Amino acid sequence: MQEYKRLLANGQSALDNLPEAALYWRLPLPDHNFNNRSCGEWLIAMAGGIEYVINGLLSNYWDHPAEWTMRETLSTPERLQAYLGDVISLASKLEAALAEDDLAKVIHLPNPRQTVIGELLIERLALSAQHYGQAVAMARAFAAHAGAELPPKNGSRGERAAIRQE
């Protein structure tokens, strides 16, 4: 669960220096593209997916976060940071409730699919890391489009190397 919390905390840090105009800015593409999400939308997808899995494991409540994860509700970087903080707290609850032996247990998902808890957590972590990377890329695209330069974010190569050495 530490990896989830680190990823969410990196999302919070990425929002520290993000101009509010960049939060829901999208690349100006000629056609509608469902992958053309803004930085904020990628961070919401990251946190919402983590929240979905954790709520499912903690309470067997397999429902996607809805109204509290809409861009209208999370309209500022501060509100989105608070939501990411809420998901960090939720990850801490799962960390306290989950024993090492639980990772090998088979669970049945509502889609219908059965999987092992550990595999589900790894799948969600990989997808969430991809969403985080897309969010950072969109923030950088905004800076390039606006002619500005964003400061380096958490997760830079030097920081990743330091984390691996720990």
C-alpha atoms as a PDB file:
ATOM      1  CA  MET A   1       0.000   0.000   0.000  1.00  0.00           C
ATOM      2  CA  GLN A   2       3.022   2.246   0.368  1.00  0.00           C
ATOM      3  CA  GLU A   3       3.303   2.421  -3.412  1.00  0.00           C
ATOM      4  CA  TYR A   4      -0.303   3.592  -3.688  1.00  0.00           C
ATOM      5  CA  LYS A   5       0.241   6.251  -1.053  1.00  0.00           C
ATOM      6  CA  ARG A   6       3.474   7.418  -2.699  1.00  0.00           C
ATOM      7  CA  LEU A   7       1.743   7.664  -6.072  1.00  0.00           C
ATOM      8  CA  LEU A   8      -1.152   9.659  -4.593  1.00  0.00           C
ATOM      9  CA  ALA A   9       1.264  11.918  -2.680  1.00  0.00           C
ATOM     10  CA  ASN A  10       3.177  12.509  -5.923  1.00  0.00           C
ATOM     11  CA  GLY A  11      -0.137  13.528  -7.474  1.00  0.00           C
ATOM     12  CA  GLN A  12      -0.667  16.013  -4.648  1.00  0.00           C
ATOM     13  CA  SER A  13       2.838  17.412  -5.160  1.00  0.00           C
ATOM     14  CA  ALA A  14       2.295  17.711  -8.902  1.00  0.00           C
ATOM     15  CA  LEU A  15      -0.660  19.972  -8.144  1.00  0.00           C
ATOM     16  CA  ASP A  16       1.401  22.285  -5.894  1.00  0.00           C
ATOM     17  CA  ASN A  17       2.787  24.388  -8.736  1.00  0.00           C
ATOM     18  CA  LEU A  18       0.164  23.671 -11.354  1.00  0.00           C
ATOM     19  CA  PRO A  19      -1.619  26.817 -12.535  1.00  0.00           C
ATOM     20  CA  GLU A  20      -5.378  26.522 -12.101  1.00  0.00           C
ATOM     21  CA  ALA A  21      -5.805  27.101 -15.846  1.00  0.00           C
ATOM     22  CA  ALA A  22      -3.767  23.942 -16.493  1.00  0.00           C
ATOM     23  CA  LEU A  23      -5.897  21.674 -14.308  1.00  0.00           C
ATOM     24  CA  TYR A  24      -8.547  20.893 -16.934  1.00  0.00           C
ATOM     25  CA  TRP A  25      -6.753  22.161 -20.046  1.00  0.00           C
ATOM     26  CA  ARG A  26      -6.664  19.711 -22.951  1.00  0.00           C
ATOM     27  CA  LEU A  27      -4.483  19.547 -26.002  1.00  0.00           C
ATOM     28  CA  PRO A  28      -6.198  21.301 -28.909  1.00  0.00           C
ATOM     29  CA  LEU A  29      -6.854  18.296 -31.144  1.00  0.00           C
ATOM     30  CA  PRO A  30      -8.965  18.543 -34.317  1.00  0.00           C
ATOM     31  CA  ASP A  31     -11.192  15.545 -33.505  1.00  0.00           C
ATOM     32  CA  HIS A  32     -12.697  14.341 -30.244  1.00  0.00           C
ATOM     33  CA  ASN A  33     -10.368  11.809 -28.690  1.00  0.00           C
ATOM     34  CA  PHE A  34     -11.388   9.980 -25.521  1.00  0.00           C
ATOM     35  CA  ASN A  35      -7.741   9.737 -24.485  1.00  0.00           C
ATOM     36  CA  ASN A  36      -7.388  13.508 -24.658  1.00  0.00           C
ATOM     37  CA  ARG A  37      -7.821  13.998 -20.926  1.00  0.00           C
ATOM     38  CA  SER A  38      -6.556  16.914 -18.909  1.00  0.00           C
ATOM     39  CA  CYS A  39      -4.049  16.670 -16.072  1.00  0.00           C
ATOM     40  CA  GLY A  40      -6.893  16.873 -13.544  1.00  0.00           C
ATOM     41  CA  GLU A  41      -8.922  14.203 -15.326  1.00  0.00           C
ATOM     42  CA  TRP A  42      -5.937  11.833 -15.342  1.00  0.00           C
ATOM     43  CA  LEU A  43      -5.397  12.401 -11.600  1.00  0.00           C
ATOM     44  CA  ILE A  44      -9.102  11.803 -10.923  1.00  0.00           C
ATOM     45  CA  ALA A  45      -8.938   8.572 -12.951  1.00  0.00           C
ATOM     46  CA  MET A  46      -5.890   7.507 -10.939  1.00  0.00           C
ATOM     47  CA  ALA A  47      -7.415   8.213  -7.532  1.00  0.00           C
ATOM     48  CA  GLY A  48     -10.904   7.027  -8.492  1.00  0.00           C
ATOM     49  CA  GLY A  49      -9.566   3.670  -9.647  1.00  0.00           C
ATOM     50  CA  ILE A  50      -7.605   3.240  -6.433  1.00  0.00           C
ATOM     51  CA  GLU A  51     -10.661   4.215  -4.382  1.00  0.00           C
ATOM     52  CA  TYR A  52     -12.791   1.700  -6.312  1.00  0.00           C
ATOM     53  CA  VAL A  53     -10.448  -1.207  -5.570  1.00  0.00           C
ATOM     54  CA  ILE A  54      -9.892  -0.276  -1.928  1.00  0.00           C
ATOM     55  CA  ASN A  55     -13.606   0.179  -1.212  1.00  0.00           C
ATOM     56  CA  GLY A  56     -14.270  -3.152  -2.911  1.00  0.00           C
ATOM     57  CA  LEU A  57     -11.704  -4.939  -0.790  1.00  0.00           C
ATOM     58  CA  LEU A  58     -12.628  -3.218   2.478  1.00  0.00           C
ATOM     59  CA  SER A  59     -16.402  -3.404   2.286  1.00  0.00           C
ATOM     60  CA  ASN A  60     -17.290  -5.392  -0.844  1.00  0.00           C
ATOM     61  CA  TYR A  61     -18.676  -2.127  -2.240  1.00  0.00           C
ATOM     62  CA  TRP A  62     -17.750  -2.364  -5.913  1.00  0.00           C
ATOM     63  CA  ASP A  63     -19.110   0.911  -7.189  1.00  0.00           C
ATOM     64  CA  HIS A  64     -17.184   3.523  -9.128  1.00  0.00           C
ATOM     65  CA  PRO A  65     -16.793   6.884  -7.410  1.00  0.00           C
ATOM     66  CA  ALA A  66     -19.266   9.254  -8.992  1.00  0.00           C
ATOM     67  CA  GLU A  67     -20.406  12.730  -8.050  1.00  0.00           C
ATOM     68  CA  TRP A  68     -17.515  13.470  -5.691  1.00  0.00           C
ATOM     69  CA  THR A  69     -15.002  12.758  -8.475  1.00  0.00           C
ATOM     70  CA  MET A  70     -16.470  15.010 -11.138  1.00  0.00           C
ATOM     71  CA  ARG A  71     -14.399  17.899 -12.432  1.00  0.00           C
ATOM     72  CA  GLU A  72     -17.177  20.267 -11.338  1.00  0.00           C
ATOM     73  CA  THR A  73     -16.737  19.068  -7.742  1.00  0.00           C
ATOM     74  CA  LEU A  74     -12.931  18.952  -7.900  1.00  0.00           C
ATOM     75  CA  SER A  75     -12.710  22.285  -9.687  1.00  0.00           C
ATOM     76  CA  THR A  76      -9.464  23.583  -8.153  1.00  0.00           C
ATOM     77  CA  PRO A  77      -6.034  22.074  -7.497  1.00  0.00           C
ATOM     78  CA  GLU A  78      -6.716  22.403  -3.751  1.00  0.00           C
ATOM     79  CA  ARG A  79      -9.940  20.395  -3.936  1.00  0.00           C
ATOM     80  CA  LEU A  80      -8.261  17.714  -6.013  1.00  0.00           C
ATOM     81  CA  GLN A  81      -5.374  17.591  -3.521  1.00  0.00           C
ATOM     82  CA  ALA A  82      -7.889  17.083  -0.704  1.00  0.00           C
ATOM     83  CA  TYR A  83      -9.512  14.211  -2.606  1.00  0.00           C
ATOM     84  CA  LEU A  84      -6.124  12.582  -3.173  1.00  0.00           C
ATOM     85  CA  GLY A  85      -5.531  12.952   0.583  1.00  0.00           C
ATOM     86  CA  ASP A  86      -8.825  11.184   1.285  1.00  0.00           C
ATOM     87  CA  VAL A  87      -7.747   8.291  -0.921  1.00  0.00           C
ATOM     88  CA  ILE A  88      -4.383   8.152   0.892  1.00  0.00           C
ATOM     89  CA  SER A  89      -6.325   7.774   4.161  1.00  0.00           C
ATOM     90  CA  LEU A  90      -8.394   5.008   2.600  1.00  0.00           C
ATOM     91  CA  ALA A  91      -5.199   3.242   1.484  1.00  0.00           C
ATOM     92  CA  SER A  92      -3.943   3.414   5.075  1.00  0.00           C
ATOM     93  CA  LYS A  93      -7.144   1.724   6.257  1.00  0.00           C
ATOM     94  CA  LEU A  94      -6.651  -1.112   3.782  1.00  0.00           C
ATOM     95  CA  GLU A  95      -3.006  -1.398   4.770  1.00  0.00           C
ATOM     96  CA  ALA A  96      -4.043  -1.847   8.411  1.00  0.00           C
ATOM     97  CA  ALA A  97      -6.761  -4.373   7.541  1.00  0.00           C
ATOM     98  CA  LEU A  98      -4.845  -6.468   5.011  1.00  0.00           C
ATOM     99  CA  ALA A  99      -2.548  -9.244   6.188  1.00  0.00           C
ATOM    100  CA  GLU A 100       0.219 -10.758   4.068  1.00  0.00           C
ATOM    101  CA  ASP A 101      -1.789 -14.000   3.794  1.00  0.00           C
ATOM    102  CA  ASP A 102      -4.740 -12.085   2.321  1.00  0.00           C
ATOM    103  CA  LEU A 103      -2.808 -11.258  -0.851  1.00  0.00           C
ATOM    104  CA  ALA A 104      -3.176 -14.852  -2.108  1.00  0.00           C
ATOM    105  CA  LYS A 105      -6.945 -15.041  -1.519  1.00  0.00           C
ATOM    106  CA  VAL A 106      -9.255 -15.409  -4.506  1.00  0.00           C
ATOM    107  CA  ILE A 107     -12.067 -12.871  -4.764  1.00  0.00           C
ATOM    108  CA  HIS A 108     -14.976 -12.549  -7.169  1.00  0.00           C
ATOM    109  CA  LEU A 109     -15.399  -9.191  -8.841  1.00  0.00           C
ATOM    110  CA  PRO A 110     -18.752  -7.899 -10.057  1.00  0.00           C
ATOM    111  CA  ASN A 111     -17.820  -7.856 -13.753  1.00  0.00           C
ATOM    112  CA  PRO A 112     -17.849 -11.220 -13.409  1.00  0.00           C
ATOM    113  CA  ARG A 113     -14.251 -12.113 -12.928  1.00  0.00           C
ATOM    114  CA  GLN A 114     -12.315 -13.808 -10.229  1.00  0.00           C
ATOM    115  CA  THR A 115      -8.798 -12.835  -9.294  1.00  0.00           C
ATOM    116  CA  VAL A 116      -6.296 -12.929  -6.487  1.00  0.00           C
ATOM    117  CA  ILE A 117      -6.167  -9.869  -4.218  1.00  0.00           C
ATOM    118  CA  GLY A 118      -2.438  -9.361  -4.780  1.00  0.00           C
ATOM    119  CA  GLU A 119      -2.849  -9.478  -8.560  1.00  0.00           C
ATOM    120  CA  LEU A 120      -5.722  -7.005  -8.428  1.00  0.00           C
ATOM    121  CA  LEU A 121      -3.621  -4.586  -6.376  1.00  0.00           C
ATOM    122  CA  ILE A 122      -0.695  -4.875  -8.796  1.00  0.00           C
ATOM    123  CA  GLU A 123      -2.947  -4.385 -11.850  1.00  0.00           C
ATOM    124  CA  ARG A 124      -4.494  -1.266 -10.322  1.00  0.00           C
ATOM    125  CA  LEU A 125      -1.101   0.090  -9.283  1.00  0.00           C
ATOM    126  CA  ALA A 126       0.239  -0.314 -12.830  1.00  0.00           C
ATOM    127  CA  LEU A 127      -2.793   1.418 -14.333  1.00  0.00           C
ATOM    128  CA  SER A 128      -2.671   4.175 -11.718  1.00  0.00           C
ATOM    129  CA  ALA A 129       1.020   4.780 -12.417  1.00  0.00           C
ATOM    130  CA  GLN A 130       0.152   5.119 -16.103  1.00  0.00           C
ATOM    131  CA  HIS A 131      -2.569   7.641 -15.245  1.00  0.00           C
ATOM    132  CA  TYR A 132      -0.108   9.611 -13.113  1.00  0.00           C
ATOM    133  CA  GLY A 133       2.395   9.665 -15.968  1.00  0.00           C
ATOM    134  CA  GLN A 134      -0.286  10.944 -18.337  1.00  0.00           C
ATOM    135  CA  ALA A 135      -1.191  13.686 -15.834  1.00  0.00           C
ATOM    136  CA  VAL A 136       2.435  14.829 -15.640  1.00  0.00           C
ATOM    137  CA  ALA A 137       2.709  14.752 -19.431  1.00  0.00           C
ATOM    138  CA  MET A 138      -0.401  16.934 -19.751  1.00  0.00           C
ATOM    139  CA  ALA A 139       0.975  19.434 -17.221  1.00  0.00           C
ATOM    140  CA  ARG A 140       4.170  19.654 -19.266  1.00  0.00           C
ATOM    141  CA  ALA A 141       2.191  19.971 -22.505  1.00  0.00           C
ATOM    142  CA  PHE A 142       0.285  22.886 -20.975  1.00  0.00           C
ATOM    143  CA  ALA A 143       3.545  24.557 -19.986  1.00  0.00           C
ATOM    144  CA  ALA A 144       4.962  24.097 -23.482  1.00  0.00           C
ATOM    145  CA  HIS A 145       1.747  25.364 -25.082  1.00  0.00           C
ATOM    146  CA  ALA A 146       1.630  28.368 -22.754  1.00  0.00           C
ATOM    147  CA  GLY A 147       5.346  29.071 -23.187  1.00  0.00           C
ATOM    148  CA  ALA A 148       5.948  28.575 -19.474  1.00  0.00           C
ATOM    149  CA  GLU A 149       8.153  26.164 -17.612  1.00  0.00           C
ATOM    150  CA  LEU A 150       6.865  24.055 -14.762  1.00  0.00           C
ATOM    151  CA  PRO A 151       9.279  23.201 -11.956  1.00  0.00           C
ATOM    152  CA  PRO A 152      10.422  19.557 -11.777  1.00  0.00           C
ATOM    153  CA  LYS A 153       7.819  17.329 -10.150  1.00  0.00           C
ATOM    154  CA  ASN A 154       8.105  14.470  -7.694  1.00  0.00           C
ATOM    155  CA  GLY A 155       9.001  11.322  -9.502  1.00  0.00           C
ATOM    156  CA  SER A 156      11.923  12.855 -11.392  1.00  0.00           C
ATOM    157  CA  ARG A 157      14.675  10.476 -12.447  1.00  0.00           C
ATOM    158  CA  GLY A 158      16.914  11.482  -9.545  1.00  0.00           C
ATOM    159  CA  GLU A 159      14.133  10.955  -7.032  1.00  0.00           C
ATOM    160  CA  ARG A 160      13.169   7.585  -8.538  1.00  0.00           C
ATOM    161  CA  ALA A 161      16.791   6.458  -8.260  1.00  0.00           C
ATOM    162  CA  ALA A 162      16.873   7.552  -4.612  1.00  0.00           C
ATOM    163  CA  ILE A 163      13.643   5.662  -3.909  1.00  0.00           C
ATOM    164  CA  ARG A 164      15.035   2.477  -5.492  1.00  0.00           C
ATOM    165  CA  GLN A 165      18.108   2.694  -3.242  1.00  0.00           C
ATOM    166  CA  GLU A 166      16.009   2.833  -0.058  1.00  0.00           C
END
